C-alpha atoms as a PDB file:
ATOM      1  CA  UNK A   1       7.462  -2.860  12.801  1.00  0.00           C
ATOM      2  CA  UNK A   2       5.701  -3.497   9.802  1.00  0.00           C
ATOM      3  CA  UNK A   3       7.799  -6.770   9.031  1.00  0.00           C
ATOM      4  CA  UNK A   4       7.187  -7.673  13.113  1.00  0.00           C
ATOM      5  CA  UNK A   5       3.318  -7.665  12.546  1.00  0.00           C
ATOM      6  CA  UNK A   6       3.715  -9.363   9.209  1.00  0.00           C
ATOM      7  CA  UNK A   7       5.988 -12.514  11.308  1.00  0.00           C
ATOM      8  CA  UNK A   8       3.848 -12.759  13.776  1.00  0.00           C
ATOM      9  CA  UNK A   9       0.147 -12.714  12.149  1.00  0.00           C
ATOM     10  CA  UNK A  10       2.554 -15.627   9.386  1.00  0.00           C
ATOM     11  CA  UNK A  11       2.711 -17.843  12.625  1.00  0.00           C
ATOM     12  CA  UNK A  12      -0.293 -17.394  14.067  1.00  0.00           C
ATOM     13  CA  UNK A  13      -1.773 -18.556  10.147  1.00  0.00           C
ATOM     14  CA  UNK A  14       1.253 -21.403  10.027  1.00  0.00           C
ATOM     15  CA  UNK A  15      -0.562 -23.263  13.324  1.00  0.00           C
ATOM     16  CA  UNK A  16      -3.844 -22.381  11.780  1.00  0.00           C
ATOM     17  CA  UNK A  17      -3.306 -24.064   8.844  1.00  0.00           C
ATOM     18  CA  UNK A  18      -1.075 -26.486  10.128  1.00  0.00           C
ATOM     19  CA  UNK A  19      -3.307 -29.010  10.320  1.00  0.00           C
ATOM     20  CA  UNK A  20      -5.668 -28.938   6.903  1.00  0.00           C
ATOM     21  CA  UNK A  21      -2.644 -27.584   4.871  1.00  0.00           C
ATOM     22  CA  UNK A  22       0.915 -29.701   5.874  1.00  0.00           C
ATOM     23  CA  UNK A  23       2.367 -28.843   2.929  1.00  0.00           C
ATOM     24  CA  UNK A  24       1.435 -25.847   2.220  1.00  0.00           C
ATOM     25  CA  UNK A  25       2.732 -24.207   5.600  1.00  0.00           C
ATOM     26  CA  UNK A  26       6.060 -26.363   4.881  1.00  0.00           C
ATOM     27  CA  UNK A  27       6.447 -24.048   1.999  1.00  0.00           C
ATOM     28  CA  UNK A  28       5.553 -20.987   4.194  1.00  0.00           C
ATOM     29  CA  UNK A  29       7.992 -22.574   7.222  1.00  0.00           C
ATOM     30  CA  UNK A  30      11.019 -23.317   4.013  1.00  0.00           C
ATOM     31  CA  UNK A  31      10.285 -19.201   2.852  1.00  0.00           C
ATOM     32  CA  UNK A  32      10.941 -18.070   5.903  1.00  0.00           C
ATOM     33  CA  UNK A  33      14.822 -19.526   6.634  1.00  0.00           C
ATOM     34  CA  UNK A  34      12.942 -21.688   9.597  1.00  0.00           C
ATOM     35  CA  UNK A  35      14.351 -24.675  10.848  1.00  0.00           C
ATOM     36  CA  UNK A  36      12.680 -26.988  13.116  1.00  0.00           C
ATOM     37  CA  UNK A  37      13.572 -31.093  14.740  1.00  0.00           C
ATOM     38  CA  UNK A  38      10.713 -31.907  13.675  1.00  0.00           C
ATOM     39  CA  UNK A  39       7.712 -30.968  10.561  1.00  0.00           C
ATOM     40  CA  UNK A  40       4.728 -29.448  11.099  1.00  0.00           C
ATOM     41  CA  UNK A  41       2.993 -32.694  10.068  1.00  0.00           C
ATOM     42  CA  UNK A  42       4.746 -34.656  13.479  1.00  0.00           C
ATOM     43  CA  UNK A  43       4.309 -31.981  15.440  1.00  0.00           C
ATOM     44  CA  UNK A  44       0.409 -32.272  14.711  1.00  0.00           C
ATOM     45  CA  UNK A  45       0.613 -35.829  14.910  1.00  0.00           C
ATOM     46  CA  UNK A  46       2.550 -35.706  18.231  1.00  0.00           C
ATOM     47  CA  UNK A  47       0.258 -35.865  21.589  1.00  0.00           C
ATOM     48  CA  UNK A  48       2.270 -32.910  22.514  1.00  0.00           C
ATOM     49  CA  UNK A  49       0.574 -31.098  19.799  1.00  0.00           C
ATOM     50  CA  UNK A  50      -1.583 -28.627  22.115  1.00  0.00           C
ATOM     51  CA  UNK A  51       2.449 -26.698  21.907  1.00  0.00           C
ATOM     52  CA  UNK A  52       1.446 -26.125  18.951  1.00  0.00           C
ATOM     53  CA  UNK A  53      -1.511 -24.247  20.246  1.00  0.00           C
ATOM     54  CA  UNK A  54       0.327 -21.908  23.283  1.00  0.00           C
ATOM     55  CA  UNK A  55       2.556 -20.928  20.533  1.00  0.00           C
ATOM     56  CA  UNK A  56       0.253 -19.158  18.918  1.00  0.00           C
ATOM     57  CA  UNK A  57      -1.851 -18.249  21.034  1.00  0.00           C
ATOM     58  CA  UNK A  58       1.030 -17.121  22.371  1.00  0.00           C
ATOM     59  CA  UNK A  59       2.169 -14.995  19.159  1.00  0.00           C
ATOM     60  CA  UNK A  60      -1.556 -13.913  18.795  1.00  0.00           C
ATOM     61  CA  UNK A  61      -1.400 -12.111  22.289  1.00  0.00           C
ATOM     62  CA  UNK A  62       1.428 -10.401  20.957  1.00  0.00           C
ATOM     63  CA  UNK A  63       0.648  -9.366  18.009  1.00  0.00           C
ATOM     64  CA  UNK A  64      -2.636  -7.775  19.970  1.00  0.00           C
ATOM     65  CA  UNK A  65      -0.257  -6.413  22.592  1.00  0.00           C
ATOM     66  CA  UNK A  66       1.746  -4.746  20.134  1.00  0.00           C
ATOM     67  CA  UNK A  67      -1.189  -3.193  18.326  1.00  0.00           C
ATOM     68  CA  UNK A  68      -2.454  -2.290  21.752  1.00  0.00           C
ATOM     69  CA  UNK A  69       0.781  -0.328  23.689  1.00  0.00           C
ATOM     70  CA  UNK A  70       1.781   0.836  19.536  1.00  0.00           C
ATOM     71  CA  UNK A  71      -2.117   1.974  18.465  1.00  0.00           C
ATOM     72  CA  UNK A  72      -0.267   5.575  17.182  1.00  0.00           C
ATOM     73  CA  UNK A  73       1.659   3.972  15.110  1.00  0.00           C
ATOM     74  CA  UNK A  74      -1.142   2.019  13.244  1.00  0.00           C
ATOM     75  CA  UNK A  75      -2.360   6.347  13.622  1.00  0.00           C
ATOM     76  CA  UNK A  76       0.800   7.312  11.660  1.00  0.00           C
ATOM     77  CA  UNK A  77       0.973   4.580   9.036  1.00  0.00           C
ATOM     78  CA  UNK A  78      -2.427   5.454   8.028  1.00  0.00           C
ATOM     79  CA  UNK A  79      -2.081   9.066   8.121  1.00  0.00           C
ATOM     80  CA  UNK A  80       1.479   8.860   5.798  1.00  0.00           C
ATOM     81  CA  UNK A  81      -0.920   6.703   3.451  1.00  0.00           C
ATOM     82  CA  UNK A  82      -3.200   9.626   3.176  1.00  0.00           C
ATOM     83  CA  UNK A  83      -0.431  11.848   2.649  1.00  0.00           C
ATOM     84  CA  UNK A  84       0.952   9.396  -0.487  1.00  0.00           C
ATOM     85  CA  UNK A  85      -2.479  10.084  -2.353  1.00  0.00           C
ATOM     86  CA  UNK A  86      -2.407  13.433  -1.628  1.00  0.00           C
ATOM     87  CA  UNK A  87       0.926  14.460  -3.429  1.00  0.00           C
ATOM     88  CA  UNK A  88      -0.505  11.638  -6.196  1.00  0.00           C
ATOM     89  CA  UNK A  89      -3.958  13.772  -6.533  1.00  0.00           C
ATOM     90  CA  UNK A  90      -1.801  16.608  -7.652  1.00  0.00           C
ATOM     91  CA  UNK A  91       0.295  14.466 -10.321  1.00  0.00           C
ATOM     92  CA  UNK A  92      -3.098  15.965 -12.387  1.00  0.00           C
ATOM     93  CA  UNK A  93      -3.723  19.468 -11.457  1.00  0.00           C
ATOM     94  CA  UNK A  94      -6.102  19.941 -14.444  1.00  0.00           C
ATOM     95  CA  UNK A  95      -8.723  16.951 -14.665  1.00  0.00           C
ATOM     96  CA  UNK A  96      -9.666  18.167 -18.361  1.00  0.00           C
ATOM     97  CA  UNK A  97      -5.920  17.340 -19.724  1.00  0.00           C
ATOM     98  CA  UNK A  98      -3.509  14.742 -19.675  1.00  0.00           C
ATOM     99  CA  UNK A  99      -1.147  16.832 -18.982  1.00  0.00           C
ATOM    100  CA  UNK A 100       1.295  15.999 -15.663  1.00  0.00           C
ATOM    101  CA  UNK A 101       2.623  18.525 -13.647  1.00  0.00           C
ATOM    102  CA  UNK A 102       5.715  15.247 -12.603  1.00  0.00           C
ATOM    103  CA  UNK A 103       6.450  12.120 -14.418  1.00  0.00           C
ATOM    104  CA  UNK A 104       5.662   8.903 -13.165  1.00  0.00           C
ATOM    105  CA  UNK A 105       4.330   5.869 -13.573  1.00  0.00           C
ATOM    106  CA  UNK A 106       0.234   5.209 -12.685  1.00  0.00           C
ATOM    107  CA  UNK A 107       1.179   2.722 -10.863  1.00  0.00           C
ATOM    108  CA  UNK A 108       3.596   4.134  -8.655  1.00  0.00           C
ATOM    109  CA  UNK A 109       3.255   7.889  -9.359  1.00  0.00           C
ATOM    110  CA  UNK A 110       5.718   9.328  -6.041  1.00  0.00           C
ATOM    111  CA  UNK A 111       8.654   6.692  -7.612  1.00  0.00           C
ATOM    112  CA  UNK A 112      10.803   9.629  -9.836  1.00  0.00           C
ATOM    113  CA  UNK A 113       9.950  12.053  -6.510  1.00  0.00           C
ATOM    114  CA  UNK A 114      12.010  13.917  -3.675  1.00  0.00           C
ATOM    115  CA  UNK A 115      10.153  14.971  -1.681  1.00  0.00           C
ATOM    116  CA  UNK A 116      10.461  17.460   1.235  1.00  0.00           C
ATOM    117  CA  UNK A 117       8.230  18.255   4.057  1.00  0.00           C
ATOM    118  CA  UNK A 118       8.556  21.749   4.849  1.00  0.00           C
ATOM    119  CA  UNK A 119       8.789  22.309   8.556  1.00  0.00           C
ATOM    120  CA  UNK A 120       5.693  25.097   8.523  1.00  0.00           C
ATOM    121  CA  UNK A 121       3.639  22.180   8.037  1.00  0.00           C
ATOM    122  CA  UNK A 122       1.030  21.805  11.161  1.00  0.00           C
ATOM    123  CA  UNK A 123       3.200  20.456  14.168  1.00  0.00           C
ATOM    124  CA  UNK A 124       1.192  17.349  15.046  1.00  0.00           C
ATOM    125  CA  UNK A 125       1.392  15.683  11.651  1.00  0.00           C
ATOM    126  CA  UNK A 126       4.624  16.805  11.219  1.00  0.00           C
ATOM    127  CA  UNK A 127       5.907  15.392  14.303  1.00  0.00           C
ATOM    128  CA  UNK A 128       4.456  11.990  13.692  1.00  0.00           C
ATOM    129  CA  UNK A 129       5.699  11.966  10.235  1.00  0.00           C
ATOM    130  CA  UNK A 130       8.877  13.344  11.262  1.00  0.00           C
ATOM    131  CA  UNK A 131       8.764  10.204  14.039  1.00  0.00           C
ATOM    132  CA  UNK A 132       8.727   7.685  10.594  1.00  0.00           C
ATOM    133  CA  UNK A 133      11.263   9.635   9.221  1.00  0.00           C
ATOM    134  CA  UNK A 134      13.461   8.420  11.494  1.00  0.00           C
ATOM    135  CA  UNK A 135      12.955   4.392  11.394  1.00  0.00           C
ATOM    136  CA  UNK A 136      15.525   3.772   9.068  1.00  0.00           C
ATOM    137  CA  UNK A 137      16.800   0.356   8.223  1.00  0.00           C
ATOM    138  CA  UNK A 138      20.110  -0.706   7.284  1.00  0.00           C
ATOM    139  CA  UNK A 139      19.712   0.189   3.743  1.00  0.00           C
ATOM    140  CA  UNK A 140      19.065   3.858   4.156  1.00  0.00           C
ATOM    141  CA  UNK A 141      15.894   3.795   3.448  1.00  0.00           C
ATOM    142  CA  UNK A 142      13.280   5.362   6.123  1.00  0.00           C
ATOM    143  CA  UNK A 143       9.590   3.568   6.771  1.00  0.00           C
ATOM    144  CA  UNK A 144       8.056   7.392   5.752  1.00  0.00           C
ATOM    145  CA  UNK A 145      10.074   6.308   2.045  1.00  0.00           C
ATOM    146  CA  UNK A 146       8.483   3.698   2.322  1.00  0.00           C
ATOM    147  CA  UNK A 147       5.329   4.580   3.036  1.00  0.00           C
ATOM    148  CA  UNK A 148       5.037   6.606   0.366  1.00  0.00           C
ATOM    149  CA  UNK A 149       7.434   5.068  -2.540  1.00  0.00           C
ATOM    150  CA  UNK A 150       9.434   7.686  -3.465  1.00  0.00           C
ATOM    151  CA  UNK A 151      12.856   8.225  -4.275  1.00  0.00           C
ATOM    152  CA  UNK A 152      14.244  10.061  -0.759  1.00  0.00           C
ATOM    153  CA  UNK A 153      11.937  11.879   1.873  1.00  0.00           C
ATOM    154  CA  UNK A 154      14.149  14.846   4.482  1.00  0.00           C
ATOM    155  CA  UNK A 155      11.816  17.252   6.695  1.00  0.00           C
ATOM    156  CA  UNK A 156      13.655  20.126   6.667  1.00  0.00           C
ATOM    157  CA  UNK A 157      13.077  24.020   6.699  1.00  0.00           C
ATOM    158  CA  UNK A 158      13.240  24.336   3.256  1.00  0.00           C
ATOM    159  CA  UNK A 159      12.807  28.166   1.817  1.00  0.00           C
ATOM    160  CA  UNK A 160      15.387  28.749   0.264  1.00  0.00           C
ATOM    161  CA  UNK A 161      14.771  25.493  -2.133  1.00  0.00           C
ATOM    162  CA  UNK A 162      11.584  26.584  -3.015  1.00  0.00           C
ATOM    163  CA  UNK A 163      12.192  27.708  -6.760  1.00  0.00           C
ATOM    164  CA  UNK A 164      13.972  24.744  -8.037  1.00  0.00           C
ATOM    165  CA  UNK A 165      10.940  22.584  -6.500  1.00  0.00           C
ATOM    166  CA  UNK A 166       6.554  21.953  -7.111  1.00  0.00           C
ATOM    167  CA  UNK A 167       5.457  23.131  -3.770  1.00  0.00           C
ATOM    168  CA  UNK A 168       2.500  21.306  -2.570  1.00  0.00           C
ATOM    169  CA  UNK A 169      -0.367  22.124   0.000  1.00  0.00           C
ATOM    170  CA  UNK A 170      -1.774  18.563   0.871  1.00  0.00           C
ATOM    171  CA  UNK A 171      -4.246  18.134   3.665  1.00  0.00           C
ATOM    172  CA  UNK A 172      -4.009  15.175   5.506  1.00  0.00           C
ATOM    173  CA  UNK A 173      -7.848  14.978   7.180  1.00  0.00           C
ATOM    174  CA  UNK A 174      -7.490  18.422   9.293  1.00  0.00           C
ATOM    175  CA  UNK A 175      -3.358  19.151   9.525  1.00  0.00           C
ATOM    176  CA  UNK A 176      -1.824  20.632   6.743  1.00  0.00           C
ATOM    177  CA  UNK A 177       1.559  19.269   5.381  1.00  0.00           C
ATOM    178  CA  UNK A 178       3.792  21.222   3.121  1.00  0.00           C
ATOM    179  CA  UNK A 179       6.253  19.529   0.686  1.00  0.00           C
ATOM    180  CA  UNK A 180       8.079  19.880  -1.814  1.00  0.00           C
ATOM    181  CA  UNK A 181       8.421  17.856  -4.999  1.00  0.00           C
ATOM    182  CA  UNK A 182      12.270  17.354  -7.391  1.00  0.00           C
ATOM    183  CA  UNK A 183      12.002  15.194  -9.605  1.00  0.00           C
ATOM    184  CA  UNK A 184      15.126  12.945  -9.828  1.00  0.00           C
ATOM    185  CA  UNK A 185      16.974  11.564 -12.708  1.00  0.00           C
ATOM    186  CA  UNK A 186      15.814   8.303 -14.528  1.00  0.00           C
ATOM    187  CA  UNK A 187      18.928   6.503 -13.932  1.00  0.00           C
ATOM    188  CA  UNK A 188      18.325   7.412  -9.408  1.00  0.00           C
ATOM    189  CA  UNK A 189      15.865   4.308  -9.763  1.00  0.00           C
ATOM    190  CA  UNK A 190      15.904   0.850 -10.370  1.00  0.00           C
ATOM    191  CA  UNK A 191      14.295  -0.015 -13.561  1.00  0.00           C
ATOM    192  CA  UNK A 192      12.579  -2.678 -12.204  1.00  0.00           C
ATOM    193  CA  UNK A 193      10.780  -1.613  -8.965  1.00  0.00           C
ATOM    194  CA  UNK A 194      11.088   1.612  -9.840  1.00  0.00           C
ATOM    195  CA  UNK A 195      11.297   2.735  -5.940  1.00  0.00           C
ATOM    196  CA  UNK A 196      15.152   2.303  -4.896  1.00  0.00           C
ATOM    197  CA  UNK A 197      17.596   4.403  -5.309  1.00  0.00           C
ATOM    198  CA  UNK A 198      20.551   2.752  -7.858  1.00  0.00           C
ATOM    199  CA  UNK A 199      23.799   4.693  -9.020  1.00  0.00           C
ATOM    200  CA  UNK A 200      23.078   3.220 -12.867  1.00  0.00           C
ATOM    201  CA  UNK A 201      20.349   0.890 -15.337  1.00  0.00           C
ATOM    202  CA  UNK A 202      21.816  -2.149 -12.920  1.00  0.00           C
ATOM    203  CA  UNK A 203      18.924  -3.605 -10.292  1.00  0.00           C
ATOM    204  CA  UNK A 204      18.609  -2.491  -6.883  1.00  0.00           C
ATOM    205  CA  UNK A 205      20.214  -5.137  -4.240  1.00  0.00           C
ATOM    206  CA  UNK A 206      16.410  -6.449  -3.451  1.00  0.00           C
ATOM    207  CA  UNK A 207      15.570  -6.898  -7.049  1.00  0.00           C
ATOM    208  CA  UNK A 208      18.582  -8.358  -8.116  1.00  0.00           C
ATOM    209  CA  UNK A 209      17.908 -11.548  -5.461  1.00  0.00           C
ATOM    210  CA  UNK A 210      14.802 -11.779  -6.370  1.00  0.00           C
ATOM    211  CA  UNK A 211      15.651 -12.193 -10.894  1.00  0.00           C
ATOM    212  CA  UNK A 212      17.277 -14.709 -11.580  1.00  0.00           C
ATOM    213  CA  UNK A 213      20.920 -13.457 -13.327  1.00  0.00           C
END
């Protein structure tokens, strides 16, 4: 969902910038692994360049339509982002000391946490979080996990596990979300991005493809 929105935005910007920054647009198209019979320079110089404008308009209309038809998803992402900030605020419960409740880099406080959202959270908020957590990519990471930028997320009745986890209550607007936080072993994190699971100290597949050997 998020990827599609970014793709639409990139396509629309490419059409807008093609007349003035053709080389840059070609680089963007190349990075997106797009193939075309004509380059942006050739298309903009073509007497049929109006087709590019109509394509850009169609993309923009599609993006606007997507945003209006899926406005609830925009609210869901905003709610999940607020939840992340609320959980992160509990890392240092006492502002007067530097002692943290759990280890984690300042740039991503939830990087070493397994987050469990318990079913005794407020119903409306719980339903939204469930929807985000049910959207899973090919690698097994849910949209909610990516927004929280933690090791994993589960939504369950975790009453039996309260003794082994840190209980946190996050106030998300007028909603209350109950969470259990468990610290993951450092080997469960990619040493580069500190986000994706890794069975050992090697890089995760995502980082391995970005870092030259």
